[in-house]
Amino acid sequence: MVDVDTARAVLQTRAEDYENDQTLEQMWAMKAFEHAEIYFNILCSADPKLLRLTPHDDVIYKLFREEFPNLKIDVIDEDEMKNDAGKAKWRPFCERFKNYVEDYSFGTLLRIDCTEDYTAKNSIFSTRIQFLAIELARNREGYNDCLRSKFKNKTPNLE
C-alpha cells in the first residue's frame, strides 16, 4: 500500500518523470479498483435506473446514443472500441466532454459483460467518459437490473 507521503512526493514530481513510474501506476490501479468496488456495490444495492453518475447524465446519454446508436453494451467488444476505427469514433465523442466532466479522460475499469462483476477477465481499461456513457446506457436500458439479485453486496475480485 502506498502511503500519503509517497503519494505527495510522486505528485510533486515533474510530469516528464511520471513515465513508467511504478508508484504512480500502483496509485492509479488502486484508485481504479476503489472506484470499481464502490460503483459495483452501488449497483448491487440500488435500482440502476435511478442512479445519477454526474450532473450531466442526460446529455452524456443522449449524445452517446446519437453517436453510437447500435453499439452493443451488454457485452463490450474491446477490439471494436480500441481498434483504429473505434478510436477515431470515440476520440471526438470524448473530447466533447473535456470542459464538462471532471477527469473525463482518466483511466477507469469497465466491465465487459454487464451481468458479471469486476474480475481480471471481465474488466478492460477505458476513459472515464466512455465508462460513464456505457454505464449510463446500461442503467437506463435495464442491462444492469439483474445485479441486485445476482450479487447482493458482493465486492469485485480483480485477482
N, C-alpha and C. Protein backbone atom coordinates (compact mmCIF):
# COMPACT_ATOMS: atom_id res chain seq x y z
N MET A 1 0.85 -1.18 0.00
CA MET A 1 0.00 0.00 0.00
C MET A 1 0.89 1.24 0.00
N VAL A 2 0.55 2.21 -0.82
CA VAL A 2 1.30 3.45 -0.92
C VAL A 2 0.80 4.41 0.15
N ASP A 3 1.74 5.02 0.91
CA ASP A 3 1.30 5.94 1.95
C ASP A 3 1.15 7.35 1.39
N VAL A 4 0.58 8.25 2.18
CA VAL A 4 0.25 9.60 1.75
C VAL A 4 1.51 10.39 1.39
N ASP A 5 2.58 10.25 2.18
CA ASP A 5 3.82 10.99 1.89
C ASP A 5 4.41 10.57 0.56
N THR A 6 4.38 9.28 0.27
CA THR A 6 4.88 8.80 -1.02
C THR A 6 4.03 9.36 -2.14
N ALA A 7 2.74 9.37 -1.97
CA ALA A 7 1.84 9.90 -2.99
C ALA A 7 2.13 11.38 -3.24
N ARG A 8 2.30 12.16 -2.16
CA ARG A 8 2.62 13.58 -2.31
C ARG A 8 3.92 13.77 -3.07
N ALA A 9 4.94 13.00 -2.72
CA ALA A 9 6.24 13.13 -3.37
C ALA A 9 6.14 12.83 -4.86
N VAL A 10 5.39 11.81 -5.20
CA VAL A 10 5.23 11.44 -6.61
C VAL A 10 4.48 12.54 -7.35
N LEU A 11 3.43 13.08 -6.75
CA LEU A 11 2.62 14.08 -7.42
C LEU A 11 3.32 15.43 -7.55
N GLN A 12 4.39 15.65 -6.78
CA GLN A 12 5.14 16.90 -6.89
C GLN A 12 6.28 16.78 -7.91
N THR A 13 6.46 15.62 -8.46
CA THR A 13 7.49 15.38 -9.45
C THR A 13 7.05 15.98 -10.79
N ARG A 14 8.04 16.36 -11.61
CA ARG A 14 7.74 16.89 -12.94
C ARG A 14 6.99 15.84 -13.76
N ALA A 15 6.07 16.27 -14.60
CA ALA A 15 5.24 15.36 -15.40
C ALA A 15 6.10 14.44 -16.26
N GLU A 16 7.22 14.95 -16.78
CA GLU A 16 8.08 14.12 -17.65
C GLU A 16 8.64 12.91 -16.90
N ASP A 17 8.74 13.03 -15.58
CA ASP A 17 9.30 11.94 -14.78
C ASP A 17 8.29 10.85 -14.44
N TYR A 18 7.02 11.07 -14.78
CA TYR A 18 5.98 10.08 -14.47
C TYR A 18 6.04 8.86 -15.35
N GLU A 19 6.60 8.98 -16.52
CA GLU A 19 6.60 7.87 -17.47
C GLU A 19 7.17 6.62 -16.83
N ASN A 20 6.41 5.54 -16.90
CA ASN A 20 6.81 4.23 -16.38
C ASN A 20 7.12 4.24 -14.88
N ASP A 21 6.58 5.16 -14.14
CA ASP A 21 6.78 5.21 -12.71
C ASP A 21 5.86 4.18 -12.05
N GLN A 22 6.47 3.19 -11.45
CA GLN A 22 5.70 2.08 -10.87
C GLN A 22 4.80 2.55 -9.73
N THR A 23 5.25 3.51 -8.94
CA THR A 23 4.45 4.02 -7.83
C THR A 23 3.19 4.70 -8.36
N LEU A 24 3.35 5.50 -9.41
CA LEU A 24 2.20 6.18 -10.00
C LEU A 24 1.21 5.16 -10.58
N GLU A 25 1.74 4.14 -11.24
CA GLU A 25 0.87 3.10 -11.80
C GLU A 25 0.12 2.37 -10.68
N GLN A 26 0.79 2.12 -9.57
CA GLN A 26 0.13 1.47 -8.43
C GLN A 26 -0.98 2.35 -7.87
N MET A 27 -0.69 3.65 -7.76
CA MET A 27 -1.70 4.57 -7.23
C MET A 27 -2.90 4.63 -8.16
N TRP A 28 -2.66 4.68 -9.48
CA TRP A 28 -3.76 4.70 -10.43
C TRP A 28 -4.57 3.42 -10.32
N ALA A 29 -3.89 2.27 -10.25
CA ALA A 29 -4.59 1.00 -10.16
C ALA A 29 -5.44 0.92 -8.89
N MET A 30 -4.90 1.43 -7.78
CA MET A 30 -5.67 1.42 -6.53
C MET A 30 -6.91 2.29 -6.66
N LYS A 31 -6.75 3.47 -7.25
CA LYS A 31 -7.89 4.37 -7.41
C LYS A 31 -8.94 3.74 -8.34
N ALA A 32 -8.49 3.14 -9.43
CA ALA A 32 -9.43 2.50 -10.36
C ALA A 32 -10.16 1.35 -9.68
N PHE A 33 -9.45 0.56 -8.89
CA PHE A 33 -10.08 -0.55 -8.19
C PHE A 33 -11.09 -0.04 -7.17
N GLU A 34 -10.71 1.00 -6.41
CA GLU A 34 -11.64 1.55 -5.42
C GLU A 34 -12.91 2.07 -6.09
N HIS A 35 -12.75 2.74 -7.22
CA HIS A 35 -13.90 3.24 -7.97
C HIS A 35 -14.79 2.07 -8.41
N ALA A 36 -14.17 1.02 -8.94
CA ALA A 36 -14.92 -0.16 -9.38
C ALA A 36 -15.68 -0.79 -8.22
N GLU A 37 -15.01 -0.92 -7.10
CA GLU A 37 -15.62 -1.53 -5.92
C GLU A 37 -16.83 -0.72 -5.44
N ILE A 38 -16.68 0.58 -5.35
CA ILE A 38 -17.78 1.44 -4.91
C ILE A 38 -18.94 1.38 -5.90
N TYR A 39 -18.63 1.53 -7.18
CA TYR A 39 -19.69 1.52 -8.19
C TYR A 39 -20.44 0.19 -8.19
N PHE A 40 -19.71 -0.92 -8.12
CA PHE A 40 -20.37 -2.22 -8.15
C PHE A 40 -21.25 -2.42 -6.92
N ASN A 41 -20.78 -1.97 -5.75
CA ASN A 41 -21.60 -2.07 -4.54
C ASN A 41 -22.88 -1.27 -4.67
N ILE A 42 -22.79 -0.10 -5.30
CA ILE A 42 -24.00 0.71 -5.51
C ILE A 42 -24.95 -0.01 -6.46
N LEU A 43 -24.40 -0.57 -7.54
CA LEU A 43 -25.25 -1.30 -8.50
C LEU A 43 -25.97 -2.47 -7.84
N CYS A 44 -25.30 -3.09 -6.88
CA CYS A 44 -25.88 -4.26 -6.21
C CYS A 44 -26.88 -3.89 -5.12
N SER A 45 -26.97 -2.61 -4.79
CA SER A 45 -27.86 -2.25 -3.70
C SER A 45 -28.93 -1.22 -4.08
N ALA A 46 -28.86 -0.65 -5.27
CA ALA A 46 -29.83 0.37 -5.68
C ALA A 46 -30.37 0.05 -7.07
N ASP A 47 -31.51 0.62 -7.37
CA ASP A 47 -32.08 0.47 -8.70
C ASP A 47 -31.23 1.27 -9.69
N PRO A 48 -30.53 0.60 -10.62
CA PRO A 48 -29.64 1.31 -11.54
C PRO A 48 -30.33 2.42 -12.34
N LYS A 49 -31.61 2.26 -12.62
CA LYS A 49 -32.32 3.28 -13.39
C LYS A 49 -32.43 4.61 -12.65
N LEU A 50 -32.27 4.58 -11.33
CA LEU A 50 -32.39 5.78 -10.52
C LEU A 50 -31.05 6.44 -10.21
N LEU A 51 -29.96 5.81 -10.59
CA LEU A 51 -28.63 6.34 -10.28
C LEU A 51 -28.28 7.56 -11.12
N ARG A 52 -27.68 8.52 -10.48
CA ARG A 52 -27.13 9.70 -11.16
C ARG A 52 -25.62 9.61 -10.99
N LEU A 53 -24.90 9.52 -12.08
CA LEU A 53 -23.44 9.39 -12.00
C LEU A 53 -22.73 10.74 -12.09
N THR A 54 -23.35 11.70 -12.77
CA THR A 54 -22.79 13.05 -12.90
C THR A 54 -23.97 14.03 -13.01
N PRO A 55 -23.70 15.31 -12.90
CA PRO A 55 -24.76 16.29 -13.16
C PRO A 55 -25.14 16.35 -14.65
N HIS A 56 -24.35 15.71 -15.49
CA HIS A 56 -24.55 15.78 -16.95
C HIS A 56 -25.05 14.47 -17.55
N ASP A 57 -25.64 13.60 -16.74
CA ASP A 57 -26.07 12.27 -17.21
C ASP A 57 -26.95 12.33 -18.44
N ASP A 58 -27.93 13.21 -18.44
CA ASP A 58 -28.87 13.26 -19.57
C ASP A 58 -28.17 13.60 -20.88
N VAL A 59 -27.26 14.56 -20.83
CA VAL A 59 -26.53 14.96 -22.03
C VAL A 59 -25.58 13.85 -22.48
N ILE A 60 -24.87 13.26 -21.54
CA ILE A 60 -23.94 12.17 -21.88
C ILE A 60 -24.70 11.04 -22.56
N TYR A 61 -25.80 10.62 -21.96
CA TYR A 61 -26.57 9.51 -22.51
C TYR A 61 -27.13 9.86 -23.90
N LYS A 62 -27.71 11.04 -24.03
CA LYS A 62 -28.30 11.46 -25.31
C LYS A 62 -27.25 11.47 -26.43
N LEU A 63 -26.11 12.10 -26.17
CA LEU A 63 -25.06 12.19 -27.19
C LEU A 63 -24.44 10.82 -27.47
N PHE A 64 -24.31 10.00 -26.44
CA PHE A 64 -23.78 8.65 -26.63
C PHE A 64 -24.67 7.86 -27.58
N ARG A 65 -25.97 7.88 -27.34
CA ARG A 65 -26.87 7.10 -28.19
C ARG A 65 -27.01 7.71 -29.58
N GLU A 66 -26.80 9.01 -29.71
CA GLU A 66 -26.79 9.62 -31.05
C GLU A 66 -25.54 9.18 -31.82
N GLU A 67 -24.40 9.17 -31.16
CA GLU A 67 -23.13 8.81 -31.80
C GLU A 67 -22.96 7.30 -31.97
N PHE A 68 -23.49 6.53 -31.04
CA PHE A 68 -23.31 5.07 -31.03
C PHE A 68 -24.66 4.36 -30.89
N PRO A 69 -25.58 4.57 -31.83
CA PRO A 69 -26.93 4.02 -31.66
C PRO A 69 -26.98 2.50 -31.65
N ASN A 70 -26.04 1.86 -32.30
CA ASN A 70 -26.08 0.40 -32.41
C ASN A 70 -24.98 -0.31 -31.62
N LEU A 71 -24.25 0.45 -30.79
CA LEU A 71 -23.18 -0.17 -30.02
C LEU A 71 -23.77 -1.16 -29.03
N LYS A 72 -23.29 -2.38 -29.08
CA LYS A 72 -23.74 -3.42 -28.16
C LYS A 72 -23.10 -3.16 -26.80
N ILE A 73 -23.92 -2.89 -25.80
CA ILE A 73 -23.38 -2.51 -24.49
C ILE A 73 -23.51 -3.60 -23.43
N ASP A 74 -24.27 -4.66 -23.72
CA ASP A 74 -24.38 -5.72 -22.72
C ASP A 74 -23.06 -6.47 -22.58
N VAL A 75 -22.42 -6.77 -23.70
CA VAL A 75 -21.10 -7.38 -23.71
C VAL A 75 -20.24 -6.54 -24.65
N ILE A 76 -19.28 -5.85 -24.07
CA ILE A 76 -18.44 -4.93 -24.84
C ILE A 76 -17.44 -5.71 -25.68
N ASP A 77 -17.30 -5.29 -26.93
CA ASP A 77 -16.27 -5.82 -27.81
C ASP A 77 -15.07 -4.88 -27.72
N GLU A 78 -14.07 -5.28 -26.94
CA GLU A 78 -12.92 -4.42 -26.69
C GLU A 78 -12.22 -4.02 -27.99
N ASP A 79 -12.11 -4.96 -28.91
CA ASP A 79 -11.45 -4.65 -30.18
C ASP A 79 -12.21 -3.57 -30.95
N GLU A 80 -13.53 -3.65 -30.93
CA GLU A 80 -14.35 -2.66 -31.61
C GLU A 80 -14.15 -1.26 -31.02
N MET A 81 -13.93 -1.20 -29.70
CA MET A 81 -13.70 0.09 -29.04
C MET A 81 -12.30 0.62 -29.29
N LYS A 82 -11.33 -0.30 -29.36
CA LYS A 82 -9.94 0.14 -29.32
C LYS A 82 -9.18 -0.02 -30.64
N ASN A 83 -9.83 -0.55 -31.68
CA ASN A 83 -9.13 -0.61 -32.96
C ASN A 83 -9.08 0.81 -33.54
N ASP A 84 -8.39 0.99 -34.64
CA ASP A 84 -8.21 2.34 -35.20
C ASP A 84 -9.54 3.03 -35.50
N ALA A 85 -10.49 2.29 -36.08
CA ALA A 85 -11.79 2.88 -36.40
C ALA A 85 -12.55 3.25 -35.13
N GLY A 86 -12.48 2.39 -34.12
CA GLY A 86 -13.15 2.66 -32.85
C GLY A 86 -12.56 3.88 -32.17
N LYS A 87 -11.24 3.95 -32.14
CA LYS A 87 -10.58 5.11 -31.52
C LYS A 87 -10.96 6.40 -32.25
N ALA A 88 -11.01 6.33 -33.58
CA ALA A 88 -11.36 7.51 -34.38
C ALA A 88 -12.77 7.99 -34.08
N LYS A 89 -13.66 7.07 -33.77
CA LYS A 89 -15.04 7.45 -33.46
C LYS A 89 -15.18 7.92 -32.00
N TRP A 90 -14.49 7.25 -31.09
CA TRP A 90 -14.59 7.60 -29.68
C TRP A 90 -13.90 8.92 -29.35
N ARG A 91 -12.76 9.19 -29.98
CA ARG A 91 -11.98 10.37 -29.63
C ARG A 91 -12.79 11.67 -29.66
N PRO A 92 -13.48 11.99 -30.78
CA PRO A 92 -14.25 13.24 -30.78
C PRO A 92 -15.41 13.23 -29.78
N PHE A 93 -16.01 12.05 -29.56
CA PHE A 93 -17.07 11.97 -28.55
C PHE A 93 -16.51 12.34 -27.18
N CYS A 94 -15.38 11.75 -26.82
CA CYS A 94 -14.78 12.01 -25.52
C CYS A 94 -14.39 13.48 -25.36
N GLU A 95 -13.81 14.05 -26.38
CA GLU A 95 -13.35 15.43 -26.30
C GLU A 95 -14.49 16.43 -26.12
N ARG A 96 -15.69 16.07 -26.51
CA ARG A 96 -16.85 16.96 -26.31
C ARG A 96 -17.09 17.25 -24.84
N PHE A 97 -16.59 16.38 -23.97
CA PHE A 97 -16.86 16.50 -22.53
C PHE A 97 -15.68 17.06 -21.75
N LYS A 98 -14.67 17.49 -22.46
CA LYS A 98 -13.45 18.00 -21.83
C LYS A 98 -13.73 19.07 -20.79
N ASN A 99 -14.61 19.99 -21.07
CA ASN A 99 -14.90 21.10 -20.16
C ASN A 99 -16.15 20.88 -19.30
N TYR A 100 -16.76 19.70 -19.39
CA TYR A 100 -17.99 19.43 -18.65
C TYR A 100 -17.83 18.36 -17.58
N VAL A 101 -17.07 17.33 -17.89
CA VAL A 101 -16.96 16.19 -16.98
C VAL A 101 -15.56 16.16 -16.39
N GLU A 102 -15.50 16.30 -15.08
CA GLU A 102 -14.21 16.27 -14.39
C GLU A 102 -13.51 14.93 -14.65
N ASP A 103 -12.24 15.02 -14.93
CA ASP A 103 -11.40 13.82 -15.15
C ASP A 103 -11.95 12.94 -16.28
N TYR A 104 -12.53 13.56 -17.29
CA TYR A 104 -13.18 12.83 -18.39
C TYR A 104 -12.25 11.83 -19.08
N SER A 105 -10.95 12.11 -19.09
CA SER A 105 -10.02 11.25 -19.82
C SER A 105 -9.23 10.31 -18.90
N PHE A 106 -9.51 10.35 -17.60
CA PHE A 106 -8.80 9.46 -16.69
C PHE A 106 -9.14 8.01 -16.98
N GLY A 107 -8.20 7.15 -16.74
CA GLY A 107 -8.43 5.72 -16.95
C GLY A 107 -9.30 5.15 -15.85
N THR A 108 -10.17 4.25 -16.24
CA THR A 108 -11.04 3.57 -15.28
C THR A 108 -11.28 2.15 -15.77
N LEU A 109 -11.90 1.36 -14.94
CA LEU A 109 -12.21 -0.02 -15.30
C LEU A 109 -13.66 -0.11 -15.76
N LEU A 110 -13.87 -0.87 -16.81
CA LEU A 110 -15.20 -1.09 -17.37
C LEU A 110 -15.44 -2.59 -17.46
N ARG A 111 -16.60 -3.04 -16.99
CA ARG A 111 -16.93 -4.46 -17.09
C ARG A 111 -17.24 -4.79 -18.55
N ILE A 112 -16.74 -5.90 -19.03
CA ILE A 112 -17.02 -6.33 -20.40
C ILE A 112 -18.46 -6.83 -20.47
N ASP A 113 -18.79 -7.81 -19.65
CA ASP A 113 -20.14 -8.38 -19.60
C ASP A 113 -20.87 -7.74 -18.42
N CYS A 114 -21.92 -7.01 -18.72
CA CYS A 114 -22.60 -6.24 -17.66
C CYS A 114 -23.35 -7.12 -16.67
N THR A 115 -23.53 -8.40 -16.95
CA THR A 115 -24.22 -9.27 -16.00
C THR A 115 -23.26 -9.89 -14.99
N GLU A 116 -21.98 -9.56 -15.12
CA GLU A 116 -20.95 -10.13 -14.23
C GLU A 116 -20.26 -9.02 -13.45
N ASP A 117 -19.54 -9.43 -12.40
CA ASP A 117 -18.83 -8.45 -11.59
C ASP A 117 -17.47 -8.12 -12.21
N TYR A 118 -16.74 -7.24 -11.54
CA TYR A 118 -15.39 -6.90 -11.98
C TYR A 118 -14.46 -8.04 -11.61
N THR A 119 -13.86 -8.63 -12.61
CA THR A 119 -12.81 -9.63 -12.42
C THR A 119 -11.72 -9.29 -13.42
N ALA A 120 -10.57 -9.92 -13.27
CA ALA A 120 -9.47 -9.66 -14.21
C ALA A 120 -9.90 -9.97 -15.64
N LYS A 121 -10.69 -11.01 -15.83
CA LYS A 121 -11.12 -11.40 -17.18
C LYS A 121 -12.31 -10.61 -17.68
N ASN A 122 -13.02 -9.95 -16.79
CA ASN A 122 -14.23 -9.23 -17.19
C ASN A 122 -14.06 -7.71 -17.10
N SER A 123 -12.82 -7.24 -17.10
CA SER A 123 -12.56 -5.81 -16.97
C SER A 123 -11.60 -5.35 -18.05
N ILE A 124 -11.89 -4.17 -18.60
CA ILE A 124 -10.98 -3.54 -19.54
C ILE A 124 -10.76 -2.10 -19.07
N PHE A 125 -9.72 -1.48 -19.59
CA PHE A 125 -9.46 -0.08 -19.30
C PHE A 125 -10.22 0.78 -20.30
N SER A 126 -10.79 1.85 -19.80
CA SER A 126 -11.46 2.82 -20.67
C SER A 126 -11.25 4.20 -20.06
N THR A 127 -11.63 5.21 -20.80
CA THR A 127 -11.60 6.55 -20.20
C THR A 127 -12.84 6.70 -19.34
N ARG A 128 -12.80 7.68 -18.46
CA ARG A 128 -13.95 7.90 -17.57
C ARG A 128 -15.21 8.22 -18.36
N ILE A 129 -15.11 9.02 -19.42
CA ILE A 129 -16.30 9.37 -20.18
C ILE A 129 -16.86 8.16 -20.93
N GLN A 130 -16.01 7.26 -21.39
CA GLN A 130 -16.52 6.03 -22.01
C GLN A 130 -17.26 5.19 -20.97
N PHE A 131 -16.65 5.06 -19.79
CA PHE A 131 -17.29 4.34 -18.70
C PHE A 131 -18.66 4.94 -18.40
N LEU A 132 -18.70 6.27 -18.24
CA LEU A 132 -19.96 6.93 -17.90
C LEU A 132 -21.01 6.72 -18.99
N ALA A 133 -20.62 6.90 -20.24
CA ALA A 133 -21.58 6.75 -21.34
C ALA A 133 -22.15 5.33 -21.39
N ILE A 134 -21.29 4.36 -21.30
CA ILE A 134 -21.73 2.96 -21.39
C ILE A 134 -22.54 2.56 -20.16
N GLU A 135 -22.08 2.94 -18.98
CA GLU A 135 -22.81 2.57 -17.76
C GLU A 135 -24.15 3.31 -17.65
N LEU A 136 -24.19 4.56 -18.09
CA LEU A 136 -25.48 5.25 -18.10
C LEU A 136 -26.46 4.54 -19.01
N ALA A 137 -25.99 4.11 -20.17
CA ALA A 137 -26.86 3.38 -21.10
C ALA A 137 -27.28 2.05 -20.49
N ARG A 138 -26.35 1.34 -19.88
CA ARG A 138 -26.69 0.06 -19.24
C ARG A 138 -27.73 0.27 -18.15
N ASN A 139 -27.57 1.32 -17.36
CA ASN A 139 -28.52 1.59 -16.28
C ASN A 139 -29.89 1.96 -16.82
N ARG A 140 -29.93 2.87 -17.77
CA ARG A 140 -31.21 3.36 -18.30
C ARG A 140 -31.93 2.33 -19.16
N GLU A 141 -31.18 1.47 -19.80
CA GLU A 141 -31.78 0.49 -20.70
C GLU A 141 -32.02 -0.86 -20.04
N GLY A 142 -31.75 -0.94 -18.74
CA GLY A 142 -32.09 -2.13 -17.96
C GLY A 142 -31.07 -3.25 -17.95
N TYR A 143 -29.91 -3.04 -18.55
CA TYR A 143 -28.91 -4.10 -18.60
C TYR A 143 -28.30 -4.43 -17.23
N ASN A 144 -28.25 -3.47 -16.33
CA ASN A 144 -27.67 -3.71 -15.00
C ASN A 144 -28.71 -4.14 -13.96
N ASP A 145 -29.95 -4.29 -14.37
CA ASP A 145 -31.02 -4.62 -13.42
C ASP A 145 -30.81 -5.94 -12.68
N CYS A 146 -30.20 -6.90 -13.31
CA CYS A 146 -30.05 -8.23 -12.71
C CYS A 146 -29.04 -8.28 -11.57
N LEU A 147 -28.21 -7.27 -11.44
CA LEU A 147 -27.10 -7.33 -10.49
C LEU A 147 -27.54 -7.35 -9.03
N ARG A 148 -28.61 -6.63 -8.70
CA ARG A 148 -29.05 -6.60 -7.30
C ARG A 148 -29.41 -7.99 -6.80
N SER A 149 -30.10 -8.76 -7.60
CA SER A 149 -30.48 -10.09 -7.14
C SER A 149 -29.33 -11.09 -7.29
N LYS A 150 -28.48 -10.88 -8.25
CA LYS A 150 -27.38 -11.82 -8.51
C LYS A 150 -26.21 -11.65 -7.55
N PHE A 151 -25.90 -10.43 -7.16
CA PHE A 151 -24.71 -10.15 -6.33
C PHE A 151 -25.07 -9.25 -5.17
N LYS A 152 -25.79 -9.74 -4.22
CA LYS A 152 -26.14 -8.92 -3.05
C LYS A 152 -24.87 -8.49 -2.33
N ASN A 153 -24.53 -7.18 -2.43
CA ASN A 153 -23.38 -6.57 -1.76
C ASN A 153 -22.06 -7.32 -1.94
N LYS A 154 -21.87 -7.90 -3.09
CA LYS A 154 -20.61 -8.58 -3.39
C LYS A 154 -19.61 -7.53 -3.88
N THR A 155 -18.37 -7.65 -3.46
CA THR A 155 -17.34 -6.73 -3.92
C THR A 155 -16.54 -7.35 -5.06
N PRO A 156 -15.98 -6.53 -5.93
CA PRO A 156 -15.24 -7.06 -7.07
C PRO A 156 -13.99 -7.80 -6.64
N ASN A 157 -13.57 -8.75 -7.45
CA ASN A 157 -12.39 -9.55 -7.19
C ASN A 157 -11.50 -9.49 -8.42
N LEU A 158 -10.52 -8.60 -8.43
CA LEU A 158 -9.66 -8.42 -9.59
C LEU A 158 -8.38 -9.23 -9.52
N GLU A 159 -8.32 -10.19 -8.63
CA GLU A 159 -7.11 -11.03 -8.53
C GLU A 159 -7.04 -12.04 -9.64
